[in-house]
Amino acid sequence: MIRITQQRAKCIGCNACVEAAEERWRISRKDGKCTLVGGIDKKGFYTVVVPDHEYDANRMAQQNCPVNIIRITQL
């Protein structure tokens, strides 16, 4: 299992994470920022635990993020 965490307030909506892992990321129509699908908000940090098979795509999303707000942790 892996934990994905996003600090959404700092997102600039560049779409890099969506292109890397479209099953886990979406662009919000409300504010244009990227949204972590299934993420639960806790003080501005959105977190979700997902199966290992999503690791590679989300690792690419983390590496492509220009504002460095995505964290991937293997559990």
N, C-alpha and C. Protein backbone atom coordinates (compact mmCIF):
# COMPACT_ATOMS: atom_id res chain seq x y z
N MET A 1 0.84 -1.18 0.00
CA MET A 1 0.00 0.00 0.00
C MET A 1 0.89 1.25 0.00
N ILE A 2 0.35 2.30 -0.59
CA ILE A 2 1.06 3.57 -0.58
C ILE A 2 0.12 4.68 -0.12
N ARG A 3 0.71 5.70 0.50
CA ARG A 3 -0.04 6.87 0.92
C ARG A 3 0.36 8.03 0.02
N ILE A 4 -0.65 8.70 -0.54
CA ILE A 4 -0.41 9.88 -1.37
C ILE A 4 -0.95 11.08 -0.60
N THR A 5 -0.13 12.12 -0.48
CA THR A 5 -0.53 13.34 0.21
C THR A 5 -0.30 14.52 -0.70
N GLN A 6 -1.26 15.44 -0.71
CA GLN A 6 -1.18 16.65 -1.53
C GLN A 6 -1.50 17.87 -0.67
N GLN A 7 -0.71 18.92 -0.82
CA GLN A 7 -0.99 20.19 -0.16
C GLN A 7 -1.71 21.06 -1.20
N ARG A 8 -3.01 20.90 -1.27
CA ARG A 8 -3.81 21.44 -2.38
C ARG A 8 -3.80 22.96 -2.49
N ALA A 9 -3.70 23.67 -1.39
CA ALA A 9 -3.73 25.13 -1.42
C ALA A 9 -2.61 25.72 -2.26
N LYS A 10 -1.50 25.01 -2.35
CA LYS A 10 -0.35 25.51 -3.12
C LYS A 10 -0.36 25.06 -4.58
N CYS A 11 -1.38 24.29 -4.98
CA CYS A 11 -1.47 23.78 -6.35
C CYS A 11 -1.67 24.95 -7.33
N ILE A 12 -0.98 24.88 -8.47
CA ILE A 12 -1.13 25.91 -9.50
C ILE A 12 -1.95 25.41 -10.70
N GLY A 13 -2.43 24.18 -10.63
CA GLY A 13 -3.30 23.64 -11.67
C GLY A 13 -2.62 23.40 -13.00
N CYS A 14 -1.38 22.96 -12.97
CA CYS A 14 -0.62 22.78 -14.21
C CYS A 14 -1.00 21.51 -14.98
N ASN A 15 -1.71 20.58 -14.33
CA ASN A 15 -2.20 19.35 -14.96
C ASN A 15 -1.14 18.25 -15.11
N ALA A 16 0.05 18.44 -14.60
CA ALA A 16 1.12 17.43 -14.74
C ALA A 16 0.76 16.13 -14.02
N CYS A 17 0.14 16.22 -12.87
CA CYS A 17 -0.23 15.01 -12.13
C CYS A 17 -1.36 14.26 -12.83
N VAL A 18 -2.29 14.99 -13.42
CA VAL A 18 -3.39 14.36 -14.14
C VAL A 18 -2.87 13.58 -15.34
N GLU A 19 -1.92 14.16 -16.05
CA GLU A 19 -1.34 13.48 -17.21
C GLU A 19 -0.57 12.23 -16.81
N ALA A 20 0.06 12.24 -15.65
CA ALA A 20 0.84 11.09 -15.19
C ALA A 20 -0.04 9.98 -14.60
N ALA A 21 -1.09 10.35 -13.87
CA ALA A 21 -1.92 9.35 -13.18
C ALA A 21 -3.38 9.80 -13.24
N GLU A 22 -3.97 9.69 -14.41
CA GLU A 22 -5.32 10.23 -14.60
C GLU A 22 -6.41 9.51 -13.80
N GLU A 23 -6.13 8.30 -13.32
CA GLU A 23 -7.12 7.61 -12.50
C GLU A 23 -7.15 8.15 -11.07
N ARG A 24 -6.13 8.87 -10.64
CA ARG A 24 -6.03 9.35 -9.27
C ARG A 24 -6.14 10.88 -9.14
N TRP A 25 -6.01 11.62 -10.25
CA TRP A 25 -6.01 13.08 -10.21
C TRP A 25 -7.02 13.66 -11.18
N ARG A 26 -7.64 14.77 -10.80
CA ARG A 26 -8.60 15.49 -11.65
C ARG A 26 -8.38 16.99 -11.47
N ILE A 27 -8.75 17.74 -12.50
CA ILE A 27 -8.74 19.21 -12.40
C ILE A 27 -10.13 19.65 -11.95
N SER A 28 -10.19 20.48 -10.92
CA SER A 28 -11.46 20.98 -10.40
C SER A 28 -12.02 22.05 -11.33
N ARG A 29 -13.29 21.95 -11.64
CA ARG A 29 -13.95 22.98 -12.46
C ARG A 29 -14.21 24.24 -11.65
N LYS A 30 -14.24 24.11 -10.33
CA LYS A 30 -14.51 25.26 -9.46
C LYS A 30 -13.34 26.24 -9.41
N ASP A 31 -12.13 25.70 -9.15
CA ASP A 31 -10.99 26.60 -8.94
C ASP A 31 -9.79 26.31 -9.84
N GLY A 32 -9.87 25.28 -10.68
CA GLY A 32 -8.79 24.99 -11.61
C GLY A 32 -7.59 24.28 -11.01
N LYS A 33 -7.69 23.90 -9.74
CA LYS A 33 -6.59 23.19 -9.08
C LYS A 33 -6.78 21.69 -9.23
N CYS A 34 -5.69 20.96 -9.07
CA CYS A 34 -5.75 19.50 -9.15
C CYS A 34 -6.31 18.93 -7.85
N THR A 35 -7.13 17.90 -8.00
CA THR A 35 -7.78 17.26 -6.86
C THR A 35 -7.34 15.81 -6.79
N LEU A 36 -6.96 15.38 -5.61
CA LEU A 36 -6.59 13.99 -5.36
C LEU A 36 -7.87 13.18 -5.19
N VAL A 37 -8.17 12.31 -6.15
CA VAL A 37 -9.41 11.53 -6.13
C VAL A 37 -9.39 10.59 -4.92
N GLY A 38 -10.41 10.70 -4.08
CA GLY A 38 -10.50 9.88 -2.88
C GLY A 38 -9.79 10.48 -1.68
N GLY A 39 -9.13 11.61 -1.88
CA GLY A 39 -8.37 12.24 -0.80
C GLY A 39 -9.26 12.81 0.29
N ILE A 40 -8.82 12.69 1.53
CA ILE A 40 -9.53 13.22 2.68
C ILE A 40 -8.75 14.41 3.22
N ASP A 41 -9.43 15.52 3.40
CA ASP A 41 -8.79 16.76 3.85
C ASP A 41 -8.57 16.75 5.36
N LYS A 42 -7.34 17.08 5.74
CA LYS A 42 -7.02 17.27 7.15
C LYS A 42 -6.07 18.46 7.24
N LYS A 43 -6.62 19.61 7.59
CA LYS A 43 -5.85 20.84 7.74
C LYS A 43 -5.12 21.22 6.45
N GLY A 44 -5.79 21.07 5.32
CA GLY A 44 -5.20 21.49 4.05
C GLY A 44 -4.37 20.45 3.33
N PHE A 45 -4.16 19.30 3.96
CA PHE A 45 -3.43 18.21 3.34
C PHE A 45 -4.43 17.10 2.99
N TYR A 46 -4.48 16.74 1.72
CA TYR A 46 -5.38 15.68 1.25
C TYR A 46 -4.60 14.38 1.18
N THR A 47 -5.15 13.32 1.76
CA THR A 47 -4.44 12.05 1.85
C THR A 47 -5.35 10.89 1.45
N VAL A 48 -4.75 9.91 0.76
CA VAL A 48 -5.45 8.69 0.39
C VAL A 48 -4.45 7.54 0.43
N VAL A 49 -4.92 6.35 0.81
CA VAL A 49 -4.09 5.14 0.79
C VAL A 49 -4.60 4.28 -0.36
N VAL A 50 -3.68 3.87 -1.24
CA VAL A 50 -4.04 3.12 -2.45
C VAL A 50 -3.16 1.88 -2.60
N PRO A 51 -3.56 0.94 -3.46
CA PRO A 51 -2.76 -0.26 -3.68
C PRO A 51 -1.42 0.04 -4.36
N ASP A 52 -0.49 -0.88 -4.23
CA ASP A 52 0.86 -0.72 -4.78
C ASP A 52 0.89 -0.53 -6.29
N HIS A 53 -0.07 -1.08 -7.03
CA HIS A 53 -0.02 -0.97 -8.49
C HIS A 53 -0.17 0.48 -8.99
N GLU A 54 -0.57 1.41 -8.12
CA GLU A 54 -0.67 2.82 -8.50
C GLU A 54 0.64 3.58 -8.24
N TYR A 55 1.63 2.91 -7.69
CA TYR A 55 2.87 3.58 -7.28
C TYR A 55 3.58 4.28 -8.44
N ASP A 56 3.84 3.58 -9.52
CA ASP A 56 4.64 4.15 -10.61
C ASP A 56 4.01 5.41 -11.20
N ALA A 57 2.72 5.37 -11.48
CA ALA A 57 2.05 6.52 -12.08
C ALA A 57 2.06 7.71 -11.13
N ASN A 58 1.81 7.47 -9.85
CA ASN A 58 1.77 8.57 -8.89
C ASN A 58 3.16 9.07 -8.53
N ARG A 59 4.15 8.21 -8.61
CA ARG A 59 5.55 8.66 -8.44
C ARG A 59 5.91 9.62 -9.57
N MET A 60 5.45 9.33 -10.78
CA MET A 60 5.67 10.22 -11.92
C MET A 60 4.94 11.55 -11.69
N ALA A 61 3.74 11.49 -11.14
CA ALA A 61 2.99 12.72 -10.83
C ALA A 61 3.77 13.56 -9.82
N GLN A 62 4.34 12.91 -8.82
CA GLN A 62 5.14 13.62 -7.82
C GLN A 62 6.35 14.28 -8.46
N GLN A 63 7.05 13.55 -9.30
CA GLN A 63 8.26 14.08 -9.94
C GLN A 63 7.94 15.22 -10.91
N ASN A 64 6.77 15.17 -11.56
CA ASN A 64 6.41 16.19 -12.54
C ASN A 64 5.83 17.45 -11.92
N CYS A 65 5.44 17.40 -10.66
CA CYS A 65 4.81 18.55 -10.01
C CYS A 65 5.80 19.71 -9.86
N PRO A 66 5.55 20.85 -10.52
CA PRO A 66 6.51 21.95 -10.47
C PRO A 66 6.57 22.67 -9.12
N VAL A 67 5.53 22.54 -8.29
CA VAL A 67 5.53 23.20 -6.99
C VAL A 67 5.80 22.24 -5.83
N ASN A 68 6.08 20.96 -6.15
CA ASN A 68 6.54 19.97 -5.17
C ASN A 68 5.59 19.83 -3.98
N ILE A 69 4.29 19.60 -4.27
CA ILE A 69 3.30 19.50 -3.20
C ILE A 69 2.72 18.09 -3.04
N ILE A 70 3.28 17.12 -3.77
CA ILE A 70 2.79 15.74 -3.71
C ILE A 70 3.84 14.88 -3.01
N ARG A 71 3.40 14.07 -2.06
CA ARG A 71 4.29 13.15 -1.34
C ARG A 71 3.76 11.73 -1.50
N ILE A 72 4.66 10.79 -1.78
CA ILE A 72 4.32 9.38 -1.88
C ILE A 72 5.10 8.64 -0.80
N THR A 73 4.39 7.84 0.00
CA THR A 73 5.02 7.07 1.07
C THR A 73 4.57 5.61 0.94
N GLN A 74 5.53 4.70 0.91
CA GLN A 74 5.18 3.28 0.90
C GLN A 74 4.94 2.84 2.35
N LEU A 75 3.83 2.14 2.55
CA LEU A 75 3.46 1.70 3.90
C LEU A 75 3.88 0.26 4.14
